Amino acid sequence: MIVAWVLSLLTLLAMLVMQLERLAALEVMSINTYAETQKEFTASEQALIECEQHLSNITVLENPTCQIQSAGKNLWLISSKSKPRLEVLVFLDEKTNIATRLNWRQSFE
């Protein structure tokens, strides 16, 4: 009777160790996914900033990493081409050529 009880305890402990290993693996995957996503988000934001800075002279950009559309009345919609896709609405002052970001959003496909 005692042997059966000890064996059941050992089985429960083995199952507990397996579950802890799975949780640890999931946590590592979660952290790696978070870090990779943060890098992609930063790259998309950098592409938007570059296009925003050269909005008055778009021809300076050799390989634009974003799409630029006019929204009328000195408003421009700039979208990143990479994922995650970010969009910003920018006001371009004609006199000073200073771009002011009005809002931004993440575009989901």
N, C-alpha and C. Protein backbone atom coordinates (compact mmCIF):
# COMPACT_ATOMS: atom_id res chain seq x y z
N MET A 1 0.82 -1.19 0.00
CA MET A 1 0.00 0.00 0.00
C MET A 1 0.87 1.26 0.00
N ILE A 2 1.91 1.21 0.83
CA ILE A 2 2.81 2.37 0.91
C ILE A 2 3.58 2.53 -0.39
N VAL A 3 3.94 1.43 -1.02
CA VAL A 3 4.68 1.48 -2.30
C VAL A 3 3.81 2.15 -3.37
N ALA A 4 2.54 1.81 -3.42
CA ALA A 4 1.63 2.42 -4.40
C ALA A 4 1.50 3.92 -4.13
N TRP A 5 1.45 4.31 -2.86
CA TRP A 5 1.34 5.72 -2.51
C TRP A 5 2.60 6.48 -2.92
N VAL A 6 3.77 5.91 -2.70
CA VAL A 6 5.04 6.53 -3.07
C VAL A 6 5.13 6.64 -4.59
N LEU A 7 4.73 5.59 -5.30
CA LEU A 7 4.76 5.63 -6.77
C LEU A 7 3.82 6.71 -7.31
N SER A 8 2.66 6.87 -6.71
CA SER A 8 1.73 7.92 -7.17
C SER A 8 2.31 9.31 -6.91
N LEU A 9 2.99 9.47 -5.78
CA LEU A 9 3.64 10.76 -5.49
C LEU A 9 4.75 11.05 -6.49
N LEU A 10 5.54 10.04 -6.81
CA LEU A 10 6.61 10.22 -7.80
C LEU A 10 6.04 10.56 -9.17
N THR A 11 4.93 9.92 -9.53
CA THR A 11 4.28 10.21 -10.81
C THR A 11 3.78 11.65 -10.83
N LEU A 12 3.17 12.08 -9.73
CA LEU A 12 2.69 13.46 -9.66
C LEU A 12 3.84 14.46 -9.74
N LEU A 13 4.94 14.16 -9.07
CA LEU A 13 6.11 15.04 -9.14
C LEU A 13 6.68 15.10 -10.55
N ALA A 14 6.73 13.96 -11.23
CA ALA A 14 7.22 13.93 -12.61
C ALA A 14 6.32 14.77 -13.52
N MET A 15 5.02 14.66 -13.32
CA MET A 15 4.09 15.46 -14.13
C MET A 15 4.25 16.95 -13.82
N LEU A 16 4.48 17.29 -12.56
CA LEU A 16 4.72 18.68 -12.17
C LEU A 16 5.97 19.23 -12.84
N VAL A 17 7.04 18.45 -12.87
CA VAL A 17 8.28 18.88 -13.52
C VAL A 17 8.05 19.09 -15.01
N MET A 18 7.29 18.20 -15.66
CA MET A 18 7.00 18.35 -17.09
C MET A 18 6.22 19.64 -17.34
N GLN A 19 5.24 19.94 -16.50
CA GLN A 19 4.46 21.16 -16.67
C GLN A 19 5.32 22.41 -16.47
N LEU A 20 6.22 22.36 -15.49
CA LEU A 20 7.12 23.49 -15.27
C LEU A 20 8.06 23.70 -16.45
N GLU A 21 8.54 22.62 -17.05
CA GLU A 21 9.40 22.74 -18.24
C GLU A 21 8.63 23.37 -19.39
N ARG A 22 7.37 22.96 -19.59
CA ARG A 22 6.55 23.54 -20.65
C ARG A 22 6.31 25.03 -20.40
N LEU A 23 6.02 25.38 -19.16
CA LEU A 23 5.81 26.80 -18.84
C LEU A 23 7.07 27.62 -19.07
N ALA A 24 8.22 27.07 -18.71
CA ALA A 24 9.48 27.77 -18.93
C ALA A 24 9.74 27.96 -20.42
N ALA A 25 9.46 26.94 -21.22
CA ALA A 25 9.66 27.06 -22.68
C ALA A 25 8.71 28.10 -23.26
N LEU A 26 7.46 28.11 -22.81
CA LEU A 26 6.50 29.12 -23.30
C LEU A 26 6.93 30.53 -22.90
N GLU A 27 7.48 30.67 -21.72
CA GLU A 27 7.94 31.99 -21.27
C GLU A 27 9.11 32.48 -22.12
N VAL A 28 10.04 31.58 -22.44
CA VAL A 28 11.17 31.94 -23.30
C VAL A 28 10.67 32.35 -24.69
N MET A 29 9.72 31.60 -25.24
CA MET A 29 9.16 31.94 -26.55
C MET A 29 8.45 33.29 -26.49
N SER A 30 7.75 33.55 -25.41
CA SER A 30 7.04 34.81 -25.25
C SER A 30 8.01 35.99 -25.21
N ILE A 31 9.08 35.84 -24.48
CA ILE A 31 10.07 36.92 -24.37
C ILE A 31 10.74 37.17 -25.72
N ASN A 32 11.09 36.10 -26.45
CA ASN A 32 11.71 36.25 -27.77
C ASN A 32 10.75 36.92 -28.75
N THR A 33 9.49 36.54 -28.71
CA THR A 33 8.50 37.15 -29.59
C THR A 33 8.33 38.63 -29.28
N TYR A 34 8.30 38.96 -28.01
CA TYR A 34 8.17 40.35 -27.59
C TYR A 34 9.36 41.18 -28.08
N ALA A 35 10.56 40.65 -27.92
CA ALA A 35 11.77 41.38 -28.34
C ALA A 35 11.78 41.57 -29.85
N GLU A 36 11.42 40.55 -30.61
CA GLU A 36 11.40 40.65 -32.07
C GLU A 36 10.35 41.65 -32.53
N THR A 37 9.19 41.61 -31.91
CA THR A 37 8.12 42.54 -32.27
C THR A 37 8.53 43.98 -31.97
N GLN A 38 9.20 44.18 -30.86
CA GLN A 38 9.66 45.52 -30.50
C GLN A 38 10.67 46.05 -31.53
N LYS A 39 11.56 45.17 -32.02
CA LYS A 39 12.52 45.58 -33.04
C LYS A 39 11.81 45.98 -34.34
N GLU A 40 10.80 45.20 -34.73
CA GLU A 40 10.05 45.50 -35.96
C GLU A 40 9.27 46.80 -35.81
N PHE A 41 8.69 47.03 -34.65
CA PHE A 41 7.94 48.26 -34.40
C PHE A 41 8.87 49.47 -34.47
N THR A 42 10.07 49.34 -33.89
CA THR A 42 11.04 50.43 -33.93
C THR A 42 11.51 50.71 -35.35
N ALA A 43 11.70 49.65 -36.15
CA ALA A 43 12.11 49.84 -37.54
C ALA A 43 11.02 50.54 -38.35
N SER A 44 9.77 50.19 -38.13
CA SER A 44 8.66 50.87 -38.82
C SER A 44 8.58 52.33 -38.41
N GLU A 45 8.79 52.59 -37.15
CA GLU A 45 8.74 53.97 -36.66
C GLU A 45 9.89 54.78 -37.25
N GLN A 46 11.07 54.20 -37.35
CA GLN A 46 12.22 54.89 -37.95
C GLN A 46 11.96 55.22 -39.42
N ALA A 47 11.31 54.29 -40.14
CA ALA A 47 10.98 54.55 -41.54
C ALA A 47 10.02 55.72 -41.65
N LEU A 48 9.05 55.78 -40.76
CA LEU A 48 8.11 56.91 -40.78
C LEU A 48 8.80 58.22 -40.46
N ILE A 49 9.70 58.20 -39.51
CA ILE A 49 10.41 59.43 -39.14
C ILE A 49 11.26 59.93 -40.30
N GLU A 50 11.91 58.99 -41.00
CA GLU A 50 12.74 59.38 -42.15
C GLU A 50 11.89 60.01 -43.24
N CYS A 51 10.75 59.40 -43.54
CA CYS A 51 9.88 59.96 -44.57
C CYS A 51 9.28 61.29 -44.12
N GLU A 52 9.00 61.40 -42.86
CA GLU A 52 8.44 62.63 -42.31
C GLU A 52 9.44 63.78 -42.40
N GLN A 53 10.70 63.49 -42.15
CA GLN A 53 11.74 64.52 -42.20
C GLN A 53 11.98 65.01 -43.62
N HIS A 54 11.82 64.12 -44.60
CA HIS A 54 12.08 64.49 -46.00
C HIS A 54 10.79 64.70 -46.77
N LEU A 55 9.72 65.05 -46.08
CA LEU A 55 8.42 65.20 -46.74
C LEU A 55 8.42 66.36 -47.72
N SER A 56 9.11 67.44 -47.41
CA SER A 56 9.13 68.58 -48.30
C SER A 56 9.93 68.32 -49.57
N ASN A 57 10.89 67.39 -49.50
CA ASN A 57 11.71 67.03 -50.65
C ASN A 57 11.77 65.51 -50.73
N ILE A 58 10.75 64.91 -51.29
CA ILE A 58 10.62 63.45 -51.32
C ILE A 58 11.68 62.80 -52.20
N THR A 59 12.18 63.54 -53.18
CA THR A 59 13.15 62.97 -54.11
C THR A 59 14.48 62.64 -53.44
N VAL A 60 14.72 63.14 -52.22
CA VAL A 60 15.96 62.83 -51.49
C VAL A 60 16.01 61.35 -51.14
N LEU A 61 14.86 60.76 -50.87
CA LEU A 61 14.81 59.35 -50.49
C LEU A 61 15.05 58.46 -51.71
N GLU A 62 16.10 57.65 -51.65
CA GLU A 62 16.41 56.76 -52.77
C GLU A 62 15.46 55.57 -52.80
N ASN A 63 15.36 54.88 -51.69
CA ASN A 63 14.44 53.75 -51.55
C ASN A 63 13.46 54.08 -50.44
N PRO A 64 12.35 54.70 -50.77
CA PRO A 64 11.42 55.05 -49.69
C PRO A 64 10.83 53.79 -49.05
N THR A 65 10.87 53.77 -47.74
CA THR A 65 10.34 52.64 -47.00
C THR A 65 8.93 52.91 -46.52
N CYS A 66 8.30 53.91 -47.14
CA CYS A 66 6.94 54.24 -46.75
C CYS A 66 6.18 54.75 -47.97
N GLN A 67 4.87 54.78 -47.81
CA GLN A 67 3.99 55.31 -48.85
C GLN A 67 3.47 56.66 -48.38
N ILE A 68 3.47 57.63 -49.28
CA ILE A 68 3.04 58.98 -48.93
C ILE A 68 1.85 59.34 -49.82
N GLN A 69 0.77 59.77 -49.17
CA GLN A 69 -0.44 60.17 -49.89
C GLN A 69 -0.87 61.54 -49.39
N SER A 70 -1.36 62.36 -50.30
CA SER A 70 -1.88 63.65 -49.92
C SER A 70 -3.29 63.48 -49.36
N ALA A 71 -3.55 64.16 -48.25
CA ALA A 71 -4.89 64.14 -47.66
C ALA A 71 -5.55 65.51 -47.81
N GLY A 72 -4.94 66.41 -48.59
CA GLY A 72 -5.48 67.74 -48.84
C GLY A 72 -5.12 68.74 -47.76
N LYS A 73 -5.08 70.01 -48.12
CA LYS A 73 -4.82 71.13 -47.19
C LYS A 73 -3.57 70.92 -46.36
N ASN A 74 -2.48 70.63 -47.03
CA ASN A 74 -1.17 70.44 -46.39
C ASN A 74 -1.13 69.26 -45.42
N LEU A 75 -2.04 68.33 -45.56
CA LEU A 75 -2.06 67.12 -44.73
C LEU A 75 -1.56 65.95 -45.57
N TRP A 76 -0.72 65.13 -44.97
CA TRP A 76 -0.13 63.99 -45.66
C TRP A 76 -0.31 62.75 -44.79
N LEU A 77 -0.67 61.66 -45.45
CA LEU A 77 -0.80 60.37 -44.79
C LEU A 77 0.41 59.53 -45.18
N ILE A 78 1.22 59.18 -44.18
CA ILE A 78 2.44 58.41 -44.42
C ILE A 78 2.25 57.04 -43.79
N SER A 79 2.49 55.99 -44.57
CA SER A 79 2.32 54.61 -44.10
C SER A 79 3.63 53.85 -44.31
N SER A 80 4.01 53.08 -43.32
CA SER A 80 5.21 52.26 -43.46
C SER A 80 4.87 51.04 -44.31
N LYS A 81 5.86 50.57 -45.06
CA LYS A 81 5.66 49.39 -45.90
C LYS A 81 5.93 48.09 -45.14
N SER A 82 6.71 48.18 -44.09
CA SER A 82 7.07 46.98 -43.33
C SER A 82 6.02 46.70 -42.27
N LYS A 83 6.08 45.49 -41.74
CA LYS A 83 5.16 45.12 -40.67
C LYS A 83 5.83 45.30 -39.33
N PRO A 84 5.18 45.82 -38.34
CA PRO A 84 3.78 46.20 -38.31
C PRO A 84 3.57 47.49 -39.09
N ARG A 85 2.47 47.57 -39.76
CA ARG A 85 2.19 48.72 -40.61
C ARG A 85 1.67 49.87 -39.75
N LEU A 86 2.40 50.98 -39.77
CA LEU A 86 2.03 52.16 -39.02
C LEU A 86 1.64 53.27 -39.98
N GLU A 87 0.69 54.09 -39.57
CA GLU A 87 0.25 55.22 -40.38
C GLU A 87 0.25 56.48 -39.51
N VAL A 88 0.72 57.57 -40.10
CA VAL A 88 0.70 58.85 -39.39
C VAL A 88 0.07 59.90 -40.29
N LEU A 89 -0.61 60.84 -39.68
CA LEU A 89 -1.15 62.00 -40.38
C LEU A 89 -0.28 63.19 -40.01
N VAL A 90 0.27 63.84 -41.03
CA VAL A 90 1.25 64.89 -40.81
C VAL A 90 0.77 66.19 -41.46
N PHE A 91 0.95 67.30 -40.75
CA PHE A 91 0.69 68.62 -41.32
C PHE A 91 2.03 69.21 -41.71
N LEU A 92 2.15 69.64 -42.99
CA LEU A 92 3.39 70.23 -43.50
C LEU A 92 3.18 71.72 -43.68
N ASP A 93 3.90 72.51 -42.90
CA ASP A 93 3.82 73.96 -43.02
C ASP A 93 4.60 74.38 -44.27
N GLU A 94 3.92 75.05 -45.19
CA GLU A 94 4.56 75.43 -46.46
C GLU A 94 5.66 76.45 -46.28
N LYS A 95 5.52 77.34 -45.31
CA LYS A 95 6.49 78.42 -45.13
C LYS A 95 7.79 77.91 -44.52
N THR A 96 7.69 77.08 -43.50
CA THR A 96 8.89 76.63 -42.80
C THR A 96 9.31 75.21 -43.18
N ASN A 97 8.47 74.51 -43.93
CA ASN A 97 8.72 73.11 -44.31
C ASN A 97 8.93 72.22 -43.08
N ILE A 98 8.20 72.52 -42.03
CA ILE A 98 8.26 71.70 -40.82
C ILE A 98 7.04 70.79 -40.79
N ALA A 99 7.29 69.51 -40.62
CA ALA A 99 6.20 68.53 -40.55
C ALA A 99 5.83 68.32 -39.09
N THR A 100 4.53 68.40 -38.81
CA THR A 100 4.02 68.19 -37.46
C THR A 100 3.11 66.98 -37.47
N ARG A 101 3.41 66.01 -36.65
CA ARG A 101 2.61 64.79 -36.59
C ARG A 101 1.33 65.07 -35.81
N LEU A 102 0.20 64.79 -36.44
CA LEU A 102 -1.08 65.03 -35.79
C LEU A 102 -1.58 63.80 -35.05
N ASN A 103 -1.45 62.64 -35.65
CA ASN A 103 -1.82 61.39 -34.98
C ASN A 103 -1.13 60.22 -35.66
N TRP A 104 -1.24 59.07 -35.05
CA TRP A 104 -0.69 57.85 -35.65
C TRP A 104 -1.58 56.70 -35.22
N ARG A 105 -1.48 55.62 -35.99
CA ARG A 105 -2.23 54.41 -35.66
C ARG A 105 -1.52 53.22 -36.28
N GLN A 106 -1.84 52.07 -35.75
CA GLN A 106 -1.36 50.83 -36.34
C GLN A 106 -2.44 50.29 -37.24
N SER A 107 -2.07 49.99 -38.46
CA SER A 107 -3.04 49.48 -39.44
C SER A 107 -3.00 47.96 -39.43
N PHE A 108 -4.13 47.36 -39.17
CA PHE A 108 -4.22 45.90 -39.14
C PHE A 108 -4.77 45.40 -40.46
N GLU A 109 -4.23 44.33 -40.96
CA GLU A 109 -4.66 43.79 -42.25
C GLU A 109 -5.56 42.60 -42.04
